[in-house]
Amino acid sequence: MAKADIDFEKELWDAANELRGAVSENNYKNYILPLVFVKHLSERYEVVREELKDLLKDPNSDYYTTDKEEIEYVLNDPDEYRSRNTFKIPETASWKYLKDNAEQDDIKVKVDDAFDVIQELLTGYNPQLVNILPRIFVRSELSPKQTGGIINLLSHPKFSEKENPESDILGRIYEYYIGRFAMAEGSGAGQFFTPGSIVRLLVELLEPYKGRIFDPACGSGGMFVQSLKFIKEHGGNKKDIAIYGQEMTAQTLRLCLMNLMLRDLSFDIKLGNSLLDDKFPNLKADYIIANPPFNVSNWHPEDLPDGDPRLFGPKEEFTTDGSANYMWMQTFWHHLSDTGTAGIVMANGAMTSNNKGEKNVRQHMVDNSMIDAIVRLPDKLFLTTGIPACLFILSKNRDGKDGTHRERNDEILFLDASKMGTMASRKLRVFSDDDINKIAETYHKWRNRNGNYEDVDGFAKAASIAEVQKQDYKLTPGIYVGTEAEEDDGIPFEEKMETLKAELLAQFEKGEELKERIKANFDKIL
């Protein structure tokens, strides 16, 4: 069944109204998300405490006892909670305490004090979690009434991890505020949250059961969250994966750390610009799952060191300041292990761009058999951008020597999913489980030994490298699968319409000028 992750836009809009006038729009999420995080930690503590109580009462449990002192000791032992991926939350830092005191004049102080208590617990657990919960409410312009209003709104069950255990609530809230207030946030920066159905599709394609998972543009950590869910669903062990990530925005990095901490994953996440300041120069990952910012210009490739090991060739020929898309591609390839696979969300324009610094990289990738598959996606999958997107699957495991996958060095699989998906709302399209399974199974049938893959007109085509070379290295699936080959420039429809409108108005003005000149000439003749 197709559905959006969680339907709580109205509640988030109400929360935004509480903040309005006291907090700038681009900072809304920085007040809402820490409170939701504290709410989740508090809920988790309550759940584990109830589980311990049940164990202490159960005669068949190793915890069973009727000794009151022993019961109190177990219920207040911090190690019991840490062993169950949570913390013993003191009463004054609990969500119940904040909600009970939401109408008090000193609620801002109580919130910041609760942040301090929980921050101390987090830092003691993992030094990377320092400063996740800074004191921000007391020094804000929010009134006590506004602060209490937010707490009451966030007490709605829709924001409960206990009620929605499989949903990336933090990530969805982040997406909402980035999208709703994109102008204040700076939408040109290309910063947006990866929709859940795209993340699920990438994870199903790559199947990251075990090994090192890397995302050099990790954002809120949604790729990691979905990878963990995949492992659980397939009977794997989260201890078999190690998470590595880099994020260039400090506020977003904090959100990613919150997400990973809640799931008790082994992680190493660093702050920095992956393109110009690679914090993991020696990392070779088994899986790279990423949604880098689309079409970033003016990223300063001139600042790359000569002989940067990520580049396929001379810097002046394999980079362009007009778009960082293919610098991301070279970065991903550099970080893959000898048998690694990468799944990347890209703007459609990357499939056909003719800029020298991009086409040279794409041609190199095709000629050297680096591209495993291309998946064209439908529109309206993103709430926060109208840019049409596709998936690039890169692999260093195309020779068939791993015993699981067949040799496919001379092929690229093209999948056109542009007509798939269901509208979950007027603005948002999502992939259903059937959609995801169809795309992933087709890829696996093509990639796996004895997969019994067959081309499907209009949807799937295994094209030879020679065919792609003959098409001037264009990677649009429609060229190969038999549908109309659309040249997509990666410009959102709304932007195109604005440009066309401006051009039309300019033509109207010129028409008026011409009409006046003709009339003046007639007057001279008469």
Protein backbone atom coordinates (compact mmCIF):
# COMPACT_ATOMS: atom_id res chain seq x y z
CA MET A 1 0.00 0.00 0.00
CA ALA A 2 1.39 3.44 -0.93
CA LYS A 3 1.46 5.97 1.86
CA ALA A 4 3.48 8.87 3.15
CA ASP A 5 5.66 8.08 6.17
CA ILE A 6 3.52 9.95 8.69
CA ASP A 7 0.64 12.35 8.23
CA PHE A 8 1.31 15.12 10.71
CA GLU A 9 1.63 18.22 8.54
CA LYS A 10 -1.24 20.01 10.30
CA GLU A 11 0.34 19.49 13.71
CA LEU A 12 3.72 20.72 12.44
CA TRP A 13 2.09 23.79 10.93
CA ASP A 14 0.41 24.47 14.30
CA ALA A 15 3.80 24.14 15.98
CA ALA A 16 5.26 26.59 13.45
CA ASN A 17 2.53 29.06 14.33
CA GLU A 18 3.57 28.84 17.98
CA LEU A 19 7.10 29.83 16.94
CA ARG A 20 6.11 32.55 14.53
CA GLY A 21 7.41 36.01 15.38
CA ALA A 22 9.82 34.77 18.04
CA VAL A 23 12.01 32.47 15.93
CA SER A 24 13.16 32.89 12.33
CA GLU A 25 11.59 30.39 9.93
CA ASN A 26 14.89 28.71 9.07
CA ASN A 27 15.34 27.91 12.79
CA TYR A 28 11.94 26.33 13.47
CA LYS A 29 13.31 22.80 13.15
CA ASN A 30 16.12 23.56 15.59
CA TYR A 31 13.56 24.06 18.38
CA ILE A 32 11.13 21.31 17.42
CA LEU A 33 13.57 18.45 16.75
CA PRO A 34 15.43 18.50 20.11
CA LEU A 35 12.09 18.36 21.92
CA VAL A 36 10.95 15.38 19.83
CA PHE A 37 14.29 13.69 20.53
CA VAL A 38 13.85 14.17 24.28
CA LYS A 39 10.29 12.86 23.97
CA HIS A 40 11.57 9.71 22.23
CA LEU A 41 14.25 9.08 24.86
CA SER A 42 11.71 9.57 27.61
CA GLU A 43 9.21 7.21 25.96
CA ARG A 44 11.88 4.58 25.46
CA TYR A 45 12.88 4.81 29.12
CA GLU A 46 9.24 4.33 30.18
CA VAL A 47 8.83 1.30 27.90
CA VAL A 48 11.99 -0.36 29.24
CA ARG A 49 11.02 0.41 32.85
CA GLU A 50 7.67 -1.34 32.30
CA GLU A 51 9.47 -4.30 30.70
CA LEU A 52 11.74 -4.58 33.74
CA LYS A 53 8.76 -4.43 36.08
CA ASP A 54 7.17 -7.32 34.18
CA LEU A 55 10.38 -9.35 34.37
CA LEU A 56 10.66 -8.75 38.11
CA LYS A 57 7.10 -10.08 38.59
CA ASP A 58 7.51 -13.10 36.30
CA PRO A 59 8.40 -16.31 38.24
CA ASN A 60 9.94 -17.74 35.05
CA SER A 61 12.29 -14.80 34.63
CA ASP A 62 15.86 -14.58 35.90
CA TYR A 63 14.88 -11.17 37.28
CA TYR A 64 12.08 -12.49 39.45
CA THR A 65 12.17 -11.25 43.03
CA THR A 66 9.84 -10.07 45.78
CA ASP A 67 12.57 -8.17 47.61
CA LYS A 68 11.56 -4.48 47.52
CA GLU A 69 15.14 -3.22 47.81
CA GLU A 70 16.29 -5.47 44.97
CA ILE A 71 13.34 -4.34 42.85
CA GLU A 72 14.23 -0.70 43.43
CA TYR A 73 17.88 -1.42 42.66
CA VAL A 74 17.07 -3.02 39.29
CA LEU A 75 14.58 -0.30 38.33
CA ASN A 76 17.14 2.40 39.08
CA ASP A 77 20.26 0.72 37.69
CA PRO A 78 21.52 2.82 34.71
CA ASP A 79 23.29 -0.22 33.25
CA GLU A 80 20.00 -2.10 32.91
CA TYR A 81 18.74 0.69 30.68
CA ARG A 82 21.94 1.08 28.67
CA SER A 83 21.93 -2.66 27.92
CA ARG A 84 18.52 -2.08 26.34
CA ASN A 85 19.59 0.91 24.25
CA THR A 86 18.17 3.65 26.42
CA PHE A 87 19.03 5.79 29.43
CA LYS A 88 17.56 6.10 32.87
CA ILE A 89 15.92 9.50 32.53
CA PRO A 90 15.59 11.48 35.79
CA GLU A 91 12.07 12.68 36.52
CA THR A 92 12.85 16.37 35.91
CA ALA A 93 14.12 15.52 32.41
CA SER A 94 11.16 13.31 31.45
CA TRP A 95 8.57 14.30 28.89
CA LYS A 96 5.79 13.79 31.44
CA TYR A 97 7.45 16.35 33.73
CA LEU A 98 7.76 18.90 30.90
CA LYS A 99 4.15 18.36 29.85
CA ASP A 100 2.89 18.61 33.46
CA ASN A 101 4.74 21.92 33.79
CA ALA A 102 3.98 23.30 30.32
CA GLU A 103 1.81 26.10 31.77
CA GLN A 104 4.43 27.25 34.30
CA ASP A 105 6.20 30.61 33.87
CA ASP A 106 9.62 28.94 34.18
CA ILE A 107 9.00 26.24 31.55
CA LYS A 108 11.84 27.58 29.37
CA VAL A 109 14.27 27.03 32.24
CA LYS A 110 12.85 23.56 32.88
CA VAL A 111 13.33 22.59 29.22
CA ASP A 112 16.94 23.78 29.11
CA ASP A 113 17.65 22.09 32.45
CA ALA A 114 16.22 18.85 31.04
CA PHE A 115 18.49 19.28 28.01
CA ASP A 116 21.50 19.65 30.31
CA VAL A 117 20.68 16.44 32.19
CA ILE A 118 20.20 14.39 29.03
CA GLN A 119 23.22 15.95 27.33
CA GLU A 120 25.41 14.77 30.21
CA LEU A 121 24.07 11.23 29.76
CA LEU A 122 24.72 11.35 26.00
CA THR A 123 28.25 12.71 26.24
CA GLY A 124 29.16 10.09 28.82
CA TYR A 125 27.88 7.42 26.45
CA ASN A 126 29.59 8.72 23.29
CA PRO A 127 31.81 11.84 23.00
CA GLN A 128 30.54 12.35 19.42
CA LEU A 129 27.18 13.29 20.91
CA VAL A 130 28.50 16.47 22.56
CA ASN A 131 26.34 19.59 22.14
CA ILE A 132 23.35 17.78 20.61
CA LEU A 133 21.06 19.55 23.10
CA PRO A 134 22.35 23.09 23.71
CA ARG A 135 20.45 25.46 26.01
CA ILE A 136 18.39 27.40 23.47
CA PHE A 137 15.01 28.12 25.05
CA VAL A 138 15.94 30.53 27.86
CA ARG A 139 17.87 32.83 25.55
CA SER A 140 15.20 32.67 22.81
CA GLU A 141 12.45 35.24 22.26
CA LEU A 142 9.82 32.55 22.84
CA SER A 143 7.37 33.28 25.63
CA PRO A 144 6.62 30.64 28.28
CA LYS A 145 3.14 30.29 26.72
CA GLN A 146 4.63 29.58 23.27
CA THR A 147 7.08 27.06 24.70
CA GLY A 148 4.33 25.28 26.60
CA GLY A 149 2.17 25.31 23.49
CA ILE A 150 4.86 23.50 21.50
CA ILE A 151 5.23 20.88 24.25
CA ASN A 152 1.49 20.25 24.25
CA LEU A 153 1.38 19.95 20.45
CA LEU A 154 4.29 17.52 20.38
CA SER A 155 2.54 15.35 22.97
CA HIS A 156 0.20 14.21 20.19
CA PRO A 157 0.50 10.43 19.50
CA LYS A 158 1.54 11.19 15.91
CA PHE A 159 4.92 12.33 17.26
CA SER A 160 5.37 9.23 19.37
CA GLU A 161 8.06 6.75 18.37
CA LYS A 162 6.18 4.22 20.50
CA GLU A 163 3.11 4.69 18.30
CA ASN A 164 5.12 4.83 15.03
CA PRO A 165 8.14 2.58 15.61
CA GLU A 166 9.06 2.05 11.94
CA SER A 167 8.93 5.70 10.87
CA ASP A 168 11.77 8.18 10.70
CA ILE A 169 9.86 10.85 12.62
CA LEU A 170 12.86 13.12 13.12
CA GLY A 171 13.71 12.97 9.43
CA ARG A 172 10.13 13.67 8.34
CA ILE A 173 9.89 16.71 10.63
CA TYR A 174 13.17 17.95 9.22
CA GLU A 175 11.86 17.46 5.68
CA TYR A 176 8.65 19.34 6.45
CA TYR A 177 10.34 22.45 7.77
CA ILE A 178 13.00 22.48 5.06
CA GLY A 179 10.27 22.18 2.44
CA ARG A 180 7.67 24.50 3.94
CA PHE A 181 10.17 27.27 4.56
CA ALA A 182 12.57 26.58 1.68
CA MET A 183 13.00 30.26 0.85
CA ALA A 184 14.15 31.06 4.38
CA GLU A 185 16.34 27.96 4.47
CA GLY A 186 17.98 28.71 1.16
CA SER A 187 16.55 26.19 -1.26
CA GLY A 188 19.32 26.91 -3.74
CA ALA A 189 21.71 25.04 -1.47
CA GLY A 190 20.15 21.79 -2.67
CA GLN A 191 19.48 20.61 0.87
CA PHE A 192 16.61 18.20 1.14
CA PHE A 193 15.53 15.09 2.93
CA THR A 194 15.45 11.82 0.97
CA PRO A 195 11.87 10.47 0.79
CA GLY A 196 11.34 7.17 2.57
CA SER A 197 10.28 5.24 -0.54
CA ILE A 198 13.48 6.22 -2.40
CA VAL A 199 15.61 5.20 0.57
CA ARG A 200 13.78 1.86 0.80
CA LEU A 201 14.32 1.29 -2.90
CA LEU A 202 18.06 2.01 -2.67
CA VAL A 203 18.46 -0.33 0.30
CA GLU A 204 16.50 -3.11 -1.43
CA LEU A 205 18.69 -2.71 -4.52
CA LEU A 206 21.99 -2.82 -2.62
CA GLU A 207 21.06 -5.31 0.14
CA PRO A 208 23.49 -4.08 2.82
CA TYR A 209 23.44 -7.14 5.10
CA LYS A 210 26.88 -6.61 6.62
CA GLY A 211 30.02 -4.53 6.23
CA ARG A 212 30.88 -0.83 6.09
CA ILE A 213 28.12 1.55 5.00
CA PHE A 214 29.17 5.07 4.02
CA ASP A 215 27.21 8.20 3.15
CA PRO A 216 29.42 11.24 2.46
CA ALA A 217 26.32 13.48 2.32
CA CYS A 218 24.45 11.83 5.18
CA GLY A 219 22.00 14.60 6.09
CA SER A 220 19.60 13.40 8.77
CA GLY A 221 20.81 9.79 8.56
CA GLY A 222 17.75 8.38 6.80
CA MET A 223 19.87 6.01 4.67
CA PHE A 224 21.33 4.47 7.81
CA VAL A 225 17.95 4.17 9.51
CA GLN A 226 16.50 2.31 6.52
CA SER A 227 19.57 0.06 6.26
CA LEU A 228 18.99 -1.01 9.86
CA LYS A 229 15.33 -1.75 9.13
CA PHE A 230 16.37 -3.87 6.12
CA ILE A 231 18.80 -5.87 8.27
CA LYS A 232 16.11 -6.52 10.89
CA GLU A 233 13.57 -7.62 8.27
CA HIS A 234 16.05 -10.10 6.78
CA GLY A 235 17.15 -11.62 10.08
CA GLY A 236 20.53 -9.92 10.15
CA ASN A 237 22.45 -8.44 13.06
CA LYS A 238 23.08 -4.71 13.34
CA LYS A 239 26.43 -5.51 14.94
CA ASP A 240 27.54 -6.73 11.52
CA ILE A 241 27.46 -3.21 10.05
CA ALA A 242 29.57 -0.14 10.73
CA ILE A 243 28.23 3.29 9.82
CA TYR A 244 30.39 6.10 8.43
CA GLY A 245 29.10 9.49 7.35
CA GLN A 246 29.99 13.08 6.66
CA GLU A 247 27.70 16.10 6.73
CA MET A 248 28.62 19.73 6.09
CA THR A 249 25.87 21.40 8.14
CA ALA A 250 26.26 21.33 11.92
CA GLN A 251 22.52 21.46 12.68
CA THR A 252 21.83 18.58 10.31
CA LEU A 253 24.74 16.61 11.74
CA ARG A 254 23.14 16.88 15.18
CA LEU A 255 19.92 15.44 13.76
CA CYS A 256 21.83 12.53 12.21
CA LEU A 257 23.53 11.79 15.52
CA MET A 258 20.14 11.83 17.27
CA ASN A 259 18.78 9.32 14.75
CA LEU A 260 21.75 6.95 15.10
CA MET A 261 21.91 7.22 18.86
CA LEU A 262 18.24 6.26 19.15
CA ARG A 263 19.01 3.06 17.22
CA ASP A 264 22.20 2.06 19.07
CA LEU A 265 24.28 1.73 15.89
CA SER A 266 28.08 1.71 15.64
CA PHE A 267 28.88 4.97 13.88
CA ASP A 268 31.54 7.51 13.03
CA ILE A 269 30.01 10.73 11.70
CA LYS A 270 32.14 13.79 10.96
CA LEU A 271 31.44 17.42 10.11
CA GLY A 272 32.81 18.79 6.86
CA ASN A 273 32.46 19.29 3.12
CA SER A 274 33.11 15.88 1.54
CA LEU A 275 34.06 17.36 -1.81
CA LEU A 276 36.82 19.65 -0.56
CA ASP A 277 37.60 18.21 2.88
CA ASP A 278 37.23 14.42 2.81
CA LYS A 279 37.32 13.31 6.45
CA PHE A 280 37.66 9.61 5.53
CA PRO A 281 40.43 9.62 2.89
CA ASN A 282 41.35 5.96 3.46
CA LEU A 283 37.86 4.50 3.95
CA LYS A 284 36.81 1.76 1.55
CA ALA A 285 33.12 0.97 2.01
CA ASP A 286 31.17 -2.11 1.04
CA TYR A 287 28.09 0.02 0.41
CA ILE A 288 27.63 3.68 -0.35
CA ILE A 289 24.05 4.96 -0.19
CA ALA A 290 23.76 8.68 -0.78
CA ASN A 291 21.60 11.57 -1.92
CA PRO A 292 24.10 14.40 -2.48
CA PRO A 293 22.92 17.96 -3.16
CA PHE A 294 21.87 18.28 -6.80
CA ASN A 295 23.59 20.53 -9.35
CA VAL A 296 25.68 22.50 -6.84
CA SER A 297 27.59 25.23 -8.68
CA ASN A 298 30.45 27.45 -7.53
CA TRP A 299 31.81 24.67 -5.33
CA HIS A 300 35.41 25.71 -6.10
CA PRO A 301 37.08 22.73 -7.77
CA GLU A 302 40.18 24.88 -8.09
CA ASP A 303 40.70 24.25 -4.37
CA LEU A 304 41.17 20.52 -4.97
CA PRO A 305 44.82 19.49 -4.61
CA ASP A 306 46.64 18.56 -7.80
CA GLY A 307 46.65 14.81 -8.13
CA ASP A 308 43.61 14.33 -5.89
CA PRO A 309 43.33 10.51 -5.74
CA ARG A 310 39.57 10.62 -6.35
CA LEU A 311 39.85 12.17 -9.81
CA PHE A 312 39.77 9.97 -12.91
CA GLY A 313 42.01 12.37 -14.79
CA PRO A 314 43.34 15.96 -14.92
CA LYS A 315 41.40 18.33 -12.70
CA GLU A 316 40.66 20.80 -15.50
CA GLU A 317 39.09 18.03 -17.61
CA PHE A 318 37.24 16.02 -14.96
CA THR A 319 35.64 18.77 -12.88
CA THR A 320 33.45 21.79 -13.57
CA ASP A 321 32.43 24.64 -11.31
CA GLY A 322 29.03 24.55 -13.01
CA SER A 323 27.97 21.37 -11.20
CA ALA A 324 29.44 19.11 -8.51
CA ASN A 325 27.39 16.08 -9.62
CA TYR A 326 30.28 14.20 -11.17
CA MET A 327 32.75 15.13 -8.46
CA TRP A 328 30.36 13.28 -6.17
CA MET A 329 30.49 10.32 -8.56
CA GLN A 330 34.29 10.24 -8.43
CA THR A 331 34.19 10.54 -4.64
CA PHE A 332 31.81 7.59 -4.35
CA TRP A 333 33.90 5.43 -6.66
CA HIS A 334 37.08 6.24 -4.74
CA HIS A 335 35.51 5.10 -1.47
CA LEU A 336 34.17 1.74 -2.71
CA SER A 337 35.92 -1.43 -1.62
CA ASP A 338 37.11 -3.91 -4.27
CA THR A 339 33.65 -5.54 -4.23
CA GLY A 340 31.63 -2.48 -3.18
CA THR A 341 28.41 -1.11 -4.65
CA ALA A 342 27.01 2.43 -4.52
CA GLY A 343 23.43 3.64 -4.91
CA ILE A 344 23.15 7.36 -5.58
CA VAL A 345 20.25 9.75 -6.10
CA MET A 346 21.08 12.20 -8.91
CA ALA A 347 19.34 14.93 -10.89
CA ASN A 348 18.15 13.70 -14.29
CA GLY A 349 20.44 16.18 -15.98
CA ALA A 350 23.43 14.05 -14.93
CA MET A 351 22.33 11.37 -17.41
CA THR A 352 22.87 13.58 -20.44
CA SER A 353 24.92 16.65 -19.45
CA ASN A 354 27.38 17.73 -22.15
CA ASN A 355 29.58 20.00 -20.07
CA LYS A 356 33.15 18.82 -20.60
CA GLY A 357 33.88 18.34 -16.91
CA GLU A 358 30.79 16.15 -16.54
CA LYS A 359 30.64 14.29 -19.83
CA ASN A 360 34.31 13.33 -19.56
CA VAL A 361 33.60 11.63 -16.23
CA ARG A 362 30.45 9.91 -17.53
CA GLN A 363 32.30 8.68 -20.62
CA HIS A 364 35.14 7.36 -18.45
CA MET A 365 32.65 5.55 -16.22
CA VAL A 366 30.89 3.90 -19.18
CA ASP A 367 34.12 2.95 -20.97
CA ASN A 368 35.57 1.46 -17.79
CA SER A 369 32.45 -0.49 -16.84
CA MET A 370 31.74 1.34 -13.60
CA ILE A 371 27.97 1.79 -14.02
CA ASP A 372 25.79 -1.18 -13.10
CA ALA A 373 22.32 0.31 -13.55
CA ILE A 374 20.35 3.51 -14.09
CA VAL A 375 16.81 3.94 -12.73
CA ARG A 376 14.70 6.86 -13.87
CA LEU A 377 12.31 8.02 -11.12
CA PRO A 378 8.87 9.66 -11.44
CA ASP A 379 8.19 13.28 -10.55
CA LYS A 380 6.84 14.60 -7.23
CA LEU A 381 8.79 12.16 -5.07
CA PHE A 382 10.39 15.05 -3.17
CA LEU A 383 8.46 17.55 -1.08
CA THR A 384 11.37 19.97 -1.13
CA THR A 385 12.45 20.15 -4.76
CA GLY A 386 10.86 19.85 -8.18
CA ILE A 387 14.08 18.64 -9.79
CA PRO A 388 13.45 15.27 -11.50
CA ALA A 389 15.74 12.53 -10.26
CA CYS A 390 17.26 9.19 -11.12
CA LEU A 391 19.38 6.53 -9.44
CA PHE A 392 22.92 5.61 -10.44
CA ILE A 393 24.09 2.19 -9.29
CA LEU A 394 27.90 1.91 -9.43
CA SER A 395 29.72 -1.33 -8.72
CA LYS A 396 33.24 -2.70 -8.45
CA ASN A 397 31.71 -6.17 -8.35
CA ARG A 398 30.83 -6.66 -12.03
CA ASP A 399 33.27 -9.45 -12.88
CA GLY A 400 31.22 -12.25 -11.26
CA LYS A 401 34.10 -13.48 -9.11
CA ASP A 402 32.16 -13.26 -5.85
CA GLY A 403 30.20 -16.41 -6.70
CA THR A 404 26.81 -14.72 -6.27
CA HIS A 405 26.60 -12.23 -9.10
CA ARG A 406 27.22 -12.94 -12.77
CA GLU A 407 29.82 -11.27 -14.97
CA ARG A 408 28.22 -8.22 -16.59
CA ASN A 409 31.14 -5.92 -17.48
CA ASP A 410 29.77 -5.30 -20.97
CA GLU A 411 26.24 -4.32 -19.89
CA ILE A 412 24.31 -1.56 -18.16
CA LEU A 413 20.76 -2.20 -16.94
CA PHE A 414 18.32 0.62 -17.70
CA LEU A 415 15.04 0.79 -15.78
CA ASP A 416 12.36 3.39 -16.52
CA ALA A 417 10.19 3.80 -13.41
CA SER A 418 9.01 7.28 -14.41
CA LYS A 419 5.37 6.17 -14.65
CA MET A 420 5.36 4.25 -11.37
CA GLY A 421 4.29 5.37 -7.89
CA THR A 422 1.02 6.53 -6.40
CA MET A 423 -0.02 10.04 -5.33
CA ALA A 424 -0.25 9.97 -1.51
CA SER A 425 -1.30 13.61 -1.56
CA ARG A 426 -1.75 16.37 -4.12
CA LYS A 427 1.97 17.18 -4.00
CA LEU A 428 3.65 13.92 -3.02
CA ARG A 429 4.11 10.67 -4.91
CA VAL A 430 5.39 7.52 -3.17
CA PHE A 431 6.46 4.07 -4.27
CA SER A 432 4.32 1.21 -2.99
CA ASP A 433 5.92 -2.01 -1.75
CA ASP A 434 4.96 -3.59 -5.08
CA ASP A 435 6.72 -0.81 -6.98
CA ILE A 436 9.88 -1.22 -4.93
CA ASN A 437 9.80 -5.01 -5.27
CA LYS A 438 9.33 -4.82 -9.05
CA ILE A 439 12.34 -2.53 -9.53
CA ALA A 440 14.59 -4.36 -7.05
CA GLU A 441 13.67 -7.84 -8.28
CA THR A 442 14.33 -6.86 -11.89
CA TYR A 443 17.78 -5.59 -10.93
CA HIS A 444 18.55 -8.72 -8.91
CA LYS A 445 17.37 -11.03 -11.71
CA TRP A 446 19.70 -9.22 -14.08
CA ARG A 447 22.65 -9.10 -11.66
CA ASN A 448 22.40 -12.51 -9.99
CA ARG A 449 23.53 -15.83 -11.40
CA ASN A 450 20.61 -17.86 -12.74
CA GLY A 451 18.39 -14.80 -12.31
CA ASN A 452 16.29 -15.51 -15.41
CA TYR A 453 16.26 -11.84 -16.42
CA GLU A 454 14.39 -10.74 -19.55
CA ASP A 455 14.04 -7.27 -21.08
CA VAL A 456 10.61 -5.66 -20.69
CA ASP A 457 9.53 -3.17 -23.36
CA GLY A 458 9.07 0.27 -21.87
CA PHE A 459 10.56 -0.71 -18.51
CA ALA A 460 13.81 -2.69 -18.56
CA LYS A 461 16.68 -3.11 -21.01
CA ALA A 462 20.14 -4.60 -20.56
CA ALA A 463 22.11 -2.51 -23.05
CA SER A 464 25.65 -3.23 -24.15
CA ILE A 465 28.42 -0.74 -23.54
CA ALA A 466 28.70 -0.39 -27.32
CA GLU A 467 25.03 0.65 -27.52
CA VAL A 468 25.60 3.36 -24.92
CA GLN A 469 28.71 4.59 -26.71
CA LYS A 470 26.71 4.74 -29.96
CA GLN A 471 24.18 6.98 -28.15
CA ASP A 472 26.95 9.45 -27.31
CA TYR A 473 27.07 8.17 -23.71
CA LYS A 474 23.55 9.34 -22.88
CA LEU A 475 22.11 7.35 -19.99
CA THR A 476 18.40 8.22 -20.18
CA PRO A 477 16.57 4.87 -19.79
CA GLY A 478 13.90 5.86 -22.31
CA ILE A 479 16.48 5.73 -25.09
CA TYR A 480 17.06 2.04 -24.43
CA VAL A 481 13.83 0.59 -23.05
CA GLY A 482 11.68 1.76 -25.95
CA THR A 483 9.81 4.72 -24.48
CA GLU A 484 10.14 8.23 -25.77
CA ALA A 485 13.63 9.52 -25.04
CA GLU A 486 13.19 12.77 -23.19
CA GLU A 487 16.11 15.09 -22.83
CA ASP A 488 15.83 16.32 -19.26
CA ASP A 489 17.77 19.39 -18.25
CA GLY A 490 17.12 18.91 -14.53
CA ILE A 491 15.30 22.24 -14.19
CA PRO A 492 12.09 22.07 -12.11
CA PHE A 493 8.82 22.68 -13.97
CA GLU A 494 8.04 25.71 -11.78
CA GLU A 495 11.34 27.35 -12.71
CA LYS A 496 10.79 26.67 -16.40
CA MET A 497 7.35 28.27 -16.20
CA GLU A 498 8.76 31.36 -14.50
CA THR A 499 11.39 31.67 -17.23
CA LEU A 500 8.81 31.20 -19.99
CA LYS A 501 6.52 33.75 -18.35
CA ALA A 502 9.34 36.31 -18.16
CA GLU A 503 10.23 35.68 -21.81
CA LEU A 504 6.59 36.00 -22.87
CA LEU A 505 6.16 39.29 -20.99
CA ALA A 506 9.35 40.59 -22.60
CA GLN A 507 7.95 39.64 -26.02
CA PHE A 508 4.70 41.47 -25.20
CA GLU A 509 6.70 44.60 -24.36
CA LYS A 510 8.63 44.35 -27.60
CA GLY A 511 5.35 43.84 -29.45
CA GLU A 512 3.94 47.02 -27.94
CA GLU A 513 7.08 48.95 -28.90
CA LEU A 514 6.86 47.61 -32.46
CA LYS A 515 3.17 48.50 -32.66
CA GLU A 516 3.90 52.10 -31.59
CA ARG A 517 6.71 52.41 -34.13
CA ILE A 518 4.46 51.15 -36.94
CA LYS A 519 1.73 53.62 -35.96
CA ALA A 520 4.29 56.44 -35.90
CA ASN A 521 5.51 55.50 -39.38
CA PHE A 522 1.92 55.46 -40.69
CA ASP A 523 1.41 58.95 -39.20
CA LYS A 524 4.47 60.20 -41.10
CA ILE A 525 3.18 58.76 -44.37
CA LEU A 526 -0.26 60.35 -43.90
